[in-house]
Amino acid sequence: EPERVRLARILERPGLSFQLGGFELPVPGRPV
């Protein structure tokens, strides 16, 4: 849900980020 991502990004810091997406996991790399 885009609005949830927009609001969460206020809390971003080094090592923590927020991304729009679903089960396809649109992130760089493979999560552990």
PDB file of all heavy atoms in Angstrom:
ATOM      1  N   GLU A   1       0.854  -1.193   0.000  1.00  0.00           N
ATOM      2  CA  GLU A   1       0.000   0.000   0.000  1.00  0.00           C
ATOM      3  C   GLU A   1       0.889   1.242   0.000  1.00  0.00           C
ATOM      4  O   GLU A   1       1.647   1.475   0.939  1.00  0.00           O
ATOM      5  CB  GLU A   1      -0.900  -0.033   1.234  1.00  0.00           C
ATOM      6  CG  GLU A   1      -2.206   0.716   1.075  1.00  0.00           C
ATOM      7  CD  GLU A   1      -2.003   2.234   1.116  1.00  0.00           C
ATOM      8  OE1 GLU A   1      -1.365   2.694   2.074  1.00  0.00           O
ATOM      9  OE2 GLU A   1      -2.462   2.927   0.181  1.00  0.00           O
ATOM     10  N   PRO A   2       0.835   2.082  -1.048  1.00  0.00           N
ATOM     11  CA  PRO A   2       1.780   3.194  -1.190  1.00  0.00           C
ATOM     12  C   PRO A   2       1.792   4.177  -0.022  1.00  0.00           C
ATOM     13  O   PRO A   2       2.858   4.665   0.369  1.00  0.00           O
ATOM     14  CB  PRO A   2       1.309   3.884  -2.488  1.00  0.00           C
ATOM     15  CG  PRO A   2       0.629   2.808  -3.255  1.00  0.00           C
ATOM     16  CD  PRO A   2      -0.044   1.948  -2.239  1.00  0.00           C
ATOM     17  N   GLU A   3       0.644   4.471   0.548  1.00  0.00           N
ATOM     18  CA  GLU A   3       0.613   5.451   1.637  1.00  0.00           C
ATOM     19  C   GLU A   3       1.351   4.932   2.860  1.00  0.00           C
ATOM     20  O   GLU A   3       2.001   5.707   3.579  1.00  0.00           O
ATOM     21  CB  GLU A   3      -0.839   5.789   1.989  1.00  0.00           C
ATOM     22  CG  GLU A   3      -1.003   6.851   3.069  1.00  0.00           C
ATOM     23  CD  GLU A   3      -0.485   8.225   2.676  1.00  0.00           C
ATOM     24  OE1 GLU A   3      -0.114   8.426   1.490  1.00  0.00           O
ATOM     25  OE2 GLU A   3      -0.443   9.108   3.544  1.00  0.00           O
ATOM     26  N   ARG A   4       1.277   3.649   3.121  1.00  0.00           N
ATOM     27  CA  ARG A   4       2.006   3.068   4.249  1.00  0.00           C
ATOM     28  C   ARG A   4       3.511   3.220   4.048  1.00  0.00           C
ATOM     29  O   ARG A   4       4.254   3.488   4.997  1.00  0.00           O
ATOM     30  CB  ARG A   4       1.634   1.597   4.420  1.00  0.00           C
ATOM     31  CG  ARG A   4       0.177   1.378   4.801  1.00  0.00           C
ATOM     32  CD  ARG A   4      -0.178  -0.106   4.795  1.00  0.00           C
ATOM     33  NE  ARG A   4      -1.610  -0.313   5.025  1.00  0.00           N
ATOM     34  CZ  ARG A   4      -2.231  -1.474   4.922  1.00  0.00           C
ATOM     35  NH1 ARG A   4      -1.539  -2.565   4.582  1.00  0.00           N
ATOM     36  NH2 ARG A   4      -3.531  -1.577   5.146  1.00  0.00           N
ATOM     37  N   VAL A   5       3.965   3.049   2.829  1.00  0.00           N
ATOM     38  CA  VAL A   5       5.387   3.208   2.528  1.00  0.00           C
ATOM     39  C   VAL A   5       5.797   4.670   2.683  1.00  0.00           C
ATOM     40  O   VAL A   5       6.851   4.984   3.271  1.00  0.00           O
ATOM     41  CB  VAL A   5       5.701   2.704   1.110  1.00  0.00           C
ATOM     42  CG1 VAL A   5       7.165   2.936   0.769  1.00  0.00           C
ATOM     43  CG2 VAL A   5       5.355   1.219   0.985  1.00  0.00           C
ATOM     44  N   ARG A   6       4.971   5.583   2.182  1.00  0.00           N
ATOM     45  CA  ARG A   6       5.294   7.009   2.272  1.00  0.00           C
ATOM     46  C   ARG A   6       5.459   7.446   3.723  1.00  0.00           C
ATOM     47  O   ARG A   6       6.415   8.151   4.075  1.00  0.00           O
ATOM     48  CB  ARG A   6       4.197   7.840   1.601  1.00  0.00           C
ATOM     49  CG  ARG A   6       4.518   9.335   1.513  1.00  0.00           C
ATOM     50  CD  ARG A   6       3.332  10.128   1.009  1.00  0.00           C
ATOM     51  NE  ARG A   6       2.250  10.189   1.980  1.00  0.00           N
ATOM     52  CZ  ARG A   6       2.239  11.035   3.016  1.00  0.00           C
ATOM     53  NH1 ARG A   6       3.234  11.883   3.212  1.00  0.00           N
ATOM     54  NH2 ARG A   6       1.207  11.041   3.847  1.00  0.00           N
ATOM     55  N   LEU A   7       4.557   7.019   4.587  1.00  0.00           N
ATOM     56  CA  LEU A   7       4.620   7.390   5.990  1.00  0.00           C
ATOM     57  C   LEU A   7       5.810   6.748   6.695  1.00  0.00           C
ATOM     58  O   LEU A   7       6.465   7.366   7.542  1.00  0.00           O
ATOM     59  CB  LEU A   7       3.317   7.017   6.694  1.00  0.00           C
ATOM     60  CG  LEU A   7       2.069   7.782   6.246  1.00  0.00           C
ATOM     61  CD1 LEU A   7       0.827   7.203   6.886  1.00  0.00           C
ATOM     62  CD2 LEU A   7       2.198   9.271   6.585  1.00  0.00           C
ATOM     63  N   ALA A   8       6.106   5.505   6.342  1.00  0.00           N
ATOM     64  CA  ALA A   8       7.204   4.794   6.999  1.00  0.00           C
ATOM     65  C   ALA A   8       8.559   5.397   6.671  1.00  0.00           C
ATOM     66  O   ALA A   8       9.486   5.343   7.492  1.00  0.00           O
ATOM     67  CB  ALA A   8       7.176   3.322   6.592  1.00  0.00           C
ATOM     68  N   ARG A   9       8.696   5.990   5.493  1.00  0.00           N
ATOM     69  CA  ARG A   9      10.002   6.503   5.070  1.00  0.00           C
ATOM     70  C   ARG A   9      10.511   7.645   5.947  1.00  0.00           C
ATOM     71  O   ARG A   9      11.697   7.972   5.922  1.00  0.00           O
ATOM     72  CB  ARG A   9       9.940   6.926   3.597  1.00  0.00           C
ATOM     73  CG  ARG A   9      10.002   5.705   2.682  1.00  0.00           C
ATOM     74  CD  ARG A   9       9.926   6.045   1.215  1.00  0.00           C
ATOM     75  NE  ARG A   9      10.218   4.860   0.414  1.00  0.00           N
ATOM     76  CZ  ARG A   9       9.898   4.710  -0.866  1.00  0.00           C
ATOM     77  NH1 ARG A   9       9.250   5.678  -1.509  1.00  0.00           N
ATOM     78  NH2 ARG A   9      10.210   3.600  -1.504  1.00  0.00           N
ATOM     79  N   ILE A  10       9.642   8.214   6.737  1.00  0.00           N
ATOM     80  CA  ILE A  10      10.066   9.234   7.708  1.00  0.00           C
ATOM     81  C   ILE A  10      11.054   8.631   8.702  1.00  0.00           C
ATOM     82  O   ILE A  10      11.923   9.329   9.244  1.00  0.00           O
ATOM     83  CB  ILE A  10       8.837   9.809   8.446  1.00  0.00           C
ATOM     84  CG1 ILE A  10       7.893  10.490   7.457  1.00  0.00           C
ATOM     85  CG2 ILE A  10       9.250  10.780   9.545  1.00  0.00           C
ATOM     86  CD1 ILE A  10       6.560  10.893   8.061  1.00  0.00           C
ATOM     87  N   LEU A  11      10.945   7.327   8.927  1.00  0.00           N
ATOM     88  CA  LEU A  11      11.759   6.645   9.931  1.00  0.00           C
ATOM     89  C   LEU A  11      13.006   5.997   9.341  1.00  0.00           C
ATOM     90  O   LEU A  11      13.740   5.313  10.061  1.00  0.00           O
ATOM     91  CB  LEU A  11      10.923   5.574  10.633  1.00  0.00           C
ATOM     92  CG  LEU A  11       9.679   6.081  11.378  1.00  0.00           C
ATOM     93  CD1 LEU A  11       8.882   4.911  11.941  1.00  0.00           C
ATOM     94  CD2 LEU A  11      10.085   7.027  12.508  1.00  0.00           C
ATOM     95  N   GLU A  12      13.271   6.208   8.070  1.00  0.00           N
ATOM     96  CA  GLU A  12      14.457   5.610   7.459  1.00  0.00           C
ATOM     97  C   GLU A  12      15.737   6.139   8.098  1.00  0.00           C
ATOM     98  O   GLU A  12      15.804   7.290   8.542  1.00  0.00           O
ATOM     99  CB  GLU A  12      14.472   5.856   5.955  1.00  0.00           C
ATOM    100  CG  GLU A  12      13.424   5.062   5.200  1.00  0.00           C
ATOM    101  CD  GLU A  12      13.544   5.187   3.699  1.00  0.00           C
ATOM    102  OE1 GLU A  12      14.117   6.199   3.222  1.00  0.00           O
ATOM    103  OE2 GLU A  12      13.058   4.281   2.993  1.00  0.00           O
ATOM    104  N   ARG A  13      16.721   5.281   8.133  1.00  0.00           N
ATOM    105  CA  ARG A  13      18.040   5.614   8.687  1.00  0.00           C
ATOM    106  C   ARG A  13      19.046   4.677   8.037  1.00  0.00           C
ATOM    107  O   ARG A  13      18.639   3.738   7.324  1.00  0.00           O
ATOM    108  CB  ARG A  13      18.034   5.432  10.204  1.00  0.00           C
ATOM    109  CG  ARG A  13      17.845   3.988  10.653  1.00  0.00           C
ATOM    110  CD  ARG A  13      17.625   3.828  12.128  1.00  0.00           C
ATOM    111  NE  ARG A  13      16.249   4.172  12.505  1.00  0.00           N
ATOM    112  CZ  ARG A  13      15.719   3.875  13.682  1.00  0.00           C
ATOM    113  NH1 ARG A  13      16.474   3.260  14.601  1.00  0.00           N
ATOM    114  NH2 ARG A  13      14.477   4.189  13.964  1.00  0.00           N
ATOM    115  N   PRO A  14      20.341   4.874   8.243  1.00  0.00           N
ATOM    116  CA  PRO A  14      21.306   3.939   7.653  1.00  0.00           C
ATOM    117  C   PRO A  14      20.994   2.501   8.058  1.00  0.00           C
ATOM    118  O   PRO A  14      20.882   2.181   9.236  1.00  0.00           O
ATOM    119  CB  PRO A  14      22.646   4.413   8.239  1.00  0.00           C
ATOM    120  CG  PRO A  14      22.448   5.871   8.473  1.00  0.00           C
ATOM    121  CD  PRO A  14      21.013   6.011   8.913  1.00  0.00           C
ATOM    122  N   GLY A  15      20.804   1.645   7.080  1.00  0.00           N
ATOM    123  CA  GLY A  15      20.500   0.243   7.321  1.00  0.00           C
ATOM    124  C   GLY A  15      19.023  -0.089   7.313  1.00  0.00           C
ATOM    125  O   GLY A  15      18.658  -1.265   7.243  1.00  0.00           O
ATOM    126  N   LEU A  16      18.162   0.919   7.373  1.00  0.00           N
ATOM    127  CA  LEU A  16      16.710   0.696   7.413  1.00  0.00           C
ATOM    128  C   LEU A  16      16.031   1.514   6.327  1.00  0.00           C
ATOM    129  O   LEU A  16      16.186   2.743   6.270  1.00  0.00           O
ATOM    130  CB  LEU A  16      16.141   1.100   8.772  1.00  0.00           C
ATOM    131  CG  LEU A  16      14.608   1.030   8.915  1.00  0.00           C
ATOM    132  CD1 LEU A  16      14.113  -0.405   8.774  1.00  0.00           C
ATOM    133  CD2 LEU A  16      14.172   1.617  10.261  1.00  0.00           C
ATOM    134  N   SER A  17      15.274   0.836   5.455  1.00  0.00           N
ATOM    135  CA  SER A  17      14.550   1.525   4.390  1.00  0.00           C
ATOM    136  C   SER A  17      13.209   0.839   4.167  1.00  0.00           C
ATOM    137  O   SER A  17      12.953  -0.253   4.678  1.00  0.00           O
ATOM    138  CB  SER A  17      15.363   1.524   3.089  1.00  0.00           C
ATOM    139  OG  SER A  17      15.601   0.200   2.652  1.00  0.00           O
ATOM    140  N   PHE A  18      12.355   1.491   3.382  1.00  0.00           N
ATOM    141  CA  PHE A  18      11.018   0.973   3.110  1.00  0.00           C
ATOM    142  C   PHE A  18      10.758   1.028   1.619  1.00  0.00           C
ATOM    143  O   PHE A  18      11.164   1.980   0.937  1.00  0.00           O
ATOM    144  CB  PHE A  18       9.981   1.766   3.896  1.00  0.00           C
ATOM    145  CG  PHE A  18      10.130   1.630   5.384  1.00  0.00           C
ATOM    146  CD1 PHE A  18      10.933   2.513   6.100  1.00  0.00           C
ATOM    147  CD2 PHE A  18       9.517   0.590   6.067  1.00  0.00           C
ATOM    148  CE1 PHE A  18      11.103   2.375   7.475  1.00  0.00           C
ATOM    149  CE2 PHE A  18       9.689   0.432   7.433  1.00  0.00           C
ATOM    150  CZ  PHE A  18      10.482   1.332   8.140  1.00  0.00           C
ATOM    151  N   GLN A  19      10.059   0.004   1.111  1.00  0.00           N
ATOM    152  CA  GLN A  19       9.909  -0.178  -0.322  1.00  0.00           C
ATOM    153  C   GLN A  19       8.499  -0.654  -0.654  1.00  0.00           C
ATOM    154  O   GLN A  19       7.938  -1.492   0.048  1.00  0.00           O
ATOM    155  CB  GLN A  19      10.927  -1.214  -0.814  1.00  0.00           C
ATOM    156  CG  GLN A  19      10.814  -1.620  -2.257  1.00  0.00           C
ATOM    157  CD  GLN A  19      11.201  -0.499  -3.196  1.00  0.00           C
ATOM    158  OE1 GLN A  19      12.201   0.180  -2.966  1.00  0.00           O
ATOM    159  NE2 GLN A  19      10.408  -0.282  -4.239  1.00  0.00           N
ATOM    160  N   LEU A  20       7.945  -0.130  -1.733  1.00  0.00           N
ATOM    161  CA  LEU A  20       6.656  -0.600  -2.238  1.00  0.00           C
ATOM    162  C   LEU A  20       6.857  -1.943  -2.923  1.00  0.00           C
ATOM    163  O   LEU A  20       7.751  -2.107  -3.755  1.00  0.00           O
ATOM    164  CB  LEU A  20       6.087   0.408  -3.233  1.00  0.00           C
ATOM    165  CG  LEU A  20       4.728   0.065  -3.853  1.00  0.00           C
ATOM    166  CD1 LEU A  20       3.624   0.147  -2.800  1.00  0.00           C
ATOM    167  CD2 LEU A  20       4.420   1.012  -5.016  1.00  0.00           C
ATOM    168  N   GLY A  21       6.017  -2.920  -2.586  1.00  0.00           N
ATOM    169  CA  GLY A  21       6.121  -4.216  -3.237  1.00  0.00           C
ATOM    170  C   GLY A  21       5.274  -5.265  -2.554  1.00  0.00           C
ATOM    171  O   GLY A  21       4.517  -4.988  -1.621  1.00  0.00           O
ATOM    172  N   GLY A  22       5.414  -6.500  -3.034  1.00  0.00           N
ATOM    173  CA  GLY A  22       4.644  -7.612  -2.503  1.00  0.00           C
ATOM    174  C   GLY A  22       5.501  -8.856  -2.395  1.00  0.00           C
ATOM    175  O   GLY A  22       6.698  -8.783  -2.116  1.00  0.00           O
ATOM    176  N   PHE A  23       4.887 -10.003  -2.666  1.00  0.00           N
ATOM    177  CA  PHE A  23       5.580 -11.273  -2.486  1.00  0.00           C
ATOM    178  C   PHE A  23       6.753 -11.465  -3.443  1.00  0.00           C
ATOM    179  O   PHE A  23       7.590 -12.347  -3.234  1.00  0.00           O
ATOM    180  CB  PHE A  23       4.597 -12.434  -2.647  1.00  0.00           C
ATOM    181  CG  PHE A  23       3.528 -12.468  -1.593  1.00  0.00           C
ATOM    182  CD1 PHE A  23       2.187 -12.291  -1.928  1.00  0.00           C
ATOM    183  CD2 PHE A  23       3.853 -12.669  -0.261  1.00  0.00           C
ATOM    184  CE1 PHE A  23       1.194 -12.321  -0.959  1.00  0.00           C
ATOM    185  CE2 PHE A  23       2.872 -12.694   0.716  1.00  0.00           C
ATOM    186  CZ  PHE A  23       1.535 -12.522   0.376  1.00  0.00           C
ATOM    187  N   GLU A  24       6.833 -10.654  -4.494  1.00  0.00           N
ATOM    188  CA  GLU A  24       7.958 -10.770  -5.417  1.00  0.00           C
ATOM    189  C   GLU A  24       9.253 -10.224  -4.818  1.00  0.00           C
ATOM    190  O   GLU A  24      10.342 -10.443  -5.348  1.00  0.00           O
ATOM    191  CB  GLU A  24       7.633 -10.055  -6.735  1.00  0.00           C
ATOM    192  CG  GLU A  24       7.763  -8.534  -6.705  1.00  0.00           C
ATOM    193  CD  GLU A  24       6.630  -7.817  -5.982  1.00  0.00           C
ATOM    194  OE1 GLU A  24       5.703  -8.494  -5.491  1.00  0.00           O
ATOM    195  OE2 GLU A  24       6.677  -6.576  -5.909  1.00  0.00           O
ATOM    196  N   LEU A  25       9.148  -9.494  -3.694  1.00  0.00           N
ATOM    197  CA  LEU A  25      10.297  -8.945  -2.961  1.00  0.00           C
ATOM    198  C   LEU A  25      11.206  -8.100  -3.868  1.00  0.00           C
ATOM    199  O   LEU A  25      12.307  -8.516  -4.248  1.00  0.00           O
ATOM    200  CB  LEU A  25      11.114 -10.057  -2.307  1.00  0.00           C
ATOM    201  CG  LEU A  25      10.385 -10.992  -1.345  1.00  0.00           C
ATOM    202  CD1 LEU A  25      11.383 -11.940  -0.689  1.00  0.00           C
ATOM    203  CD2 LEU A  25       9.623 -10.221  -0.293  1.00  0.00           C
ATOM    204  N   PRO A  26      10.779  -6.890  -4.191  1.00  0.00           N
ATOM    205  CA  PRO A  26      11.553  -6.038  -5.085  1.00  0.00           C
ATOM    206  C   PRO A  26      12.720  -5.354  -4.368  1.00  0.00           C
ATOM    207  O   PRO A  26      12.762  -4.124  -4.202  1.00  0.00           O
ATOM    208  CB  PRO A  26      10.507  -5.017  -5.551  1.00  0.00           C
ATOM    209  CG  PRO A  26       9.615  -4.866  -4.357  1.00  0.00           C
ATOM    210  CD  PRO A  26       9.540  -6.242  -3.736  1.00  0.00           C
ATOM    211  N   VAL A  27      13.678  -6.147  -3.921  1.00  0.00           N
ATOM    212  CA  VAL A  27      14.836  -5.617  -3.201  1.00  0.00           C
ATOM    213  C   VAL A  27      16.105  -6.077  -3.901  1.00  0.00           C
ATOM    214  O   VAL A  27      16.126  -7.152  -4.513  1.00  0.00           O
ATOM    215  CB  VAL A  27      14.846  -6.083  -1.726  1.00  0.00           C
ATOM    216  CG1 VAL A  27      13.633  -5.542  -0.991  1.00  0.00           C
ATOM    217  CG2 VAL A  27      14.885  -7.601  -1.622  1.00  0.00           C
ATOM    218  N   PRO A  28      17.176  -5.301  -3.841  1.00  0.00           N
ATOM    219  CA  PRO A  28      18.434  -5.731  -4.455  1.00  0.00           C
ATOM    220  C   PRO A  28      19.097  -6.805  -3.607  1.00  0.00           C
ATOM    221  O   PRO A  28      19.288  -6.636  -2.408  1.00  0.00           O
ATOM    222  CB  PRO A  28      19.269  -4.444  -4.468  1.00  0.00           C
ATOM    223  CG  PRO A  28      18.724  -3.627  -3.339  1.00  0.00           C
ATOM    224  CD  PRO A  28      17.257  -3.944  -3.262  1.00  0.00           C
ATOM    225  N   GLY A  29      19.423  -7.910  -4.215  1.00  0.00           N
ATOM    226  CA  GLY A  29      20.056  -8.993  -3.485  1.00  0.00           C
ATOM    227  C   GLY A  29      19.058 -10.030  -3.012  1.00  0.00           C
ATOM    228  O   GLY A  29      17.841  -9.911  -3.229  1.00  0.00           O
ATOM    229  N   ARG A  30      19.574 -11.036  -2.337  1.00  0.00           N
ATOM    230  CA  ARG A  30      18.744 -12.133  -1.818  1.00  0.00           C
ATOM    231  C   ARG A  30      18.748 -12.080  -0.296  1.00  0.00           C
ATOM    232  O   ARG A  30      19.814 -12.164   0.321  1.00  0.00           O
ATOM    233  CB  ARG A  30      19.270 -13.480  -2.312  1.00  0.00           C
ATOM    234  CG  ARG A  30      19.048 -13.690  -3.809  1.00  0.00           C
ATOM    235  CD  ARG A  30      19.491 -15.074  -4.249  1.00  0.00           C
ATOM    236  NE  ARG A  30      19.106 -15.325  -5.628  1.00  0.00           N
ATOM    237  CZ  ARG A  30      17.934 -15.838  -6.011  1.00  0.00           C
ATOM    238  NH1 ARG A  30      17.041 -16.159  -5.107  1.00  0.00           N
ATOM    239  NH2 ARG A  30      17.667 -16.037  -7.290  1.00  0.00           N
ATOM    240  N   PRO A  31      17.594 -11.941   0.319  1.00  0.00           N
ATOM    241  CA  PRO A  31      17.536 -11.804   1.772  1.00  0.00           C
ATOM    242  C   PRO A  31      17.861 -13.100   2.505  1.00  0.00           C
ATOM    243  O   PRO A  31      17.534 -14.195   2.053  1.00  0.00           O
ATOM    244  CB  PRO A  31      16.089 -11.378   2.029  1.00  0.00           C
ATOM    245  CG  PRO A  31      15.331 -11.843   0.840  1.00  0.00           C
ATOM    246  CD  PRO A  31      16.276 -11.788  -0.315  1.00  0.00           C
ATOM    247  N   VAL A  32      18.489 -12.945   3.665  1.00  0.00           N
ATOM    248  CA  VAL A  32      18.795 -14.091   4.516  1.00  0.00           C
ATOM    249  C   VAL A  32      17.629 -14.387   5.455  1.00  0.00           C
ATOM    250  O   VAL A  32      17.479 -15.509   5.934  1.00  0.00           O
ATOM    251  CB  VAL A  32      20.104 -13.869   5.297  1.00  0.00           C
ATOM    252  CG1 VAL A  32      19.960 -12.744   6.311  1.00  0.00           C
ATOM    253  CG2 VAL A  32      20.563 -15.144   5.978  1.00  0.00           C
TER     254      VAL A  32
END
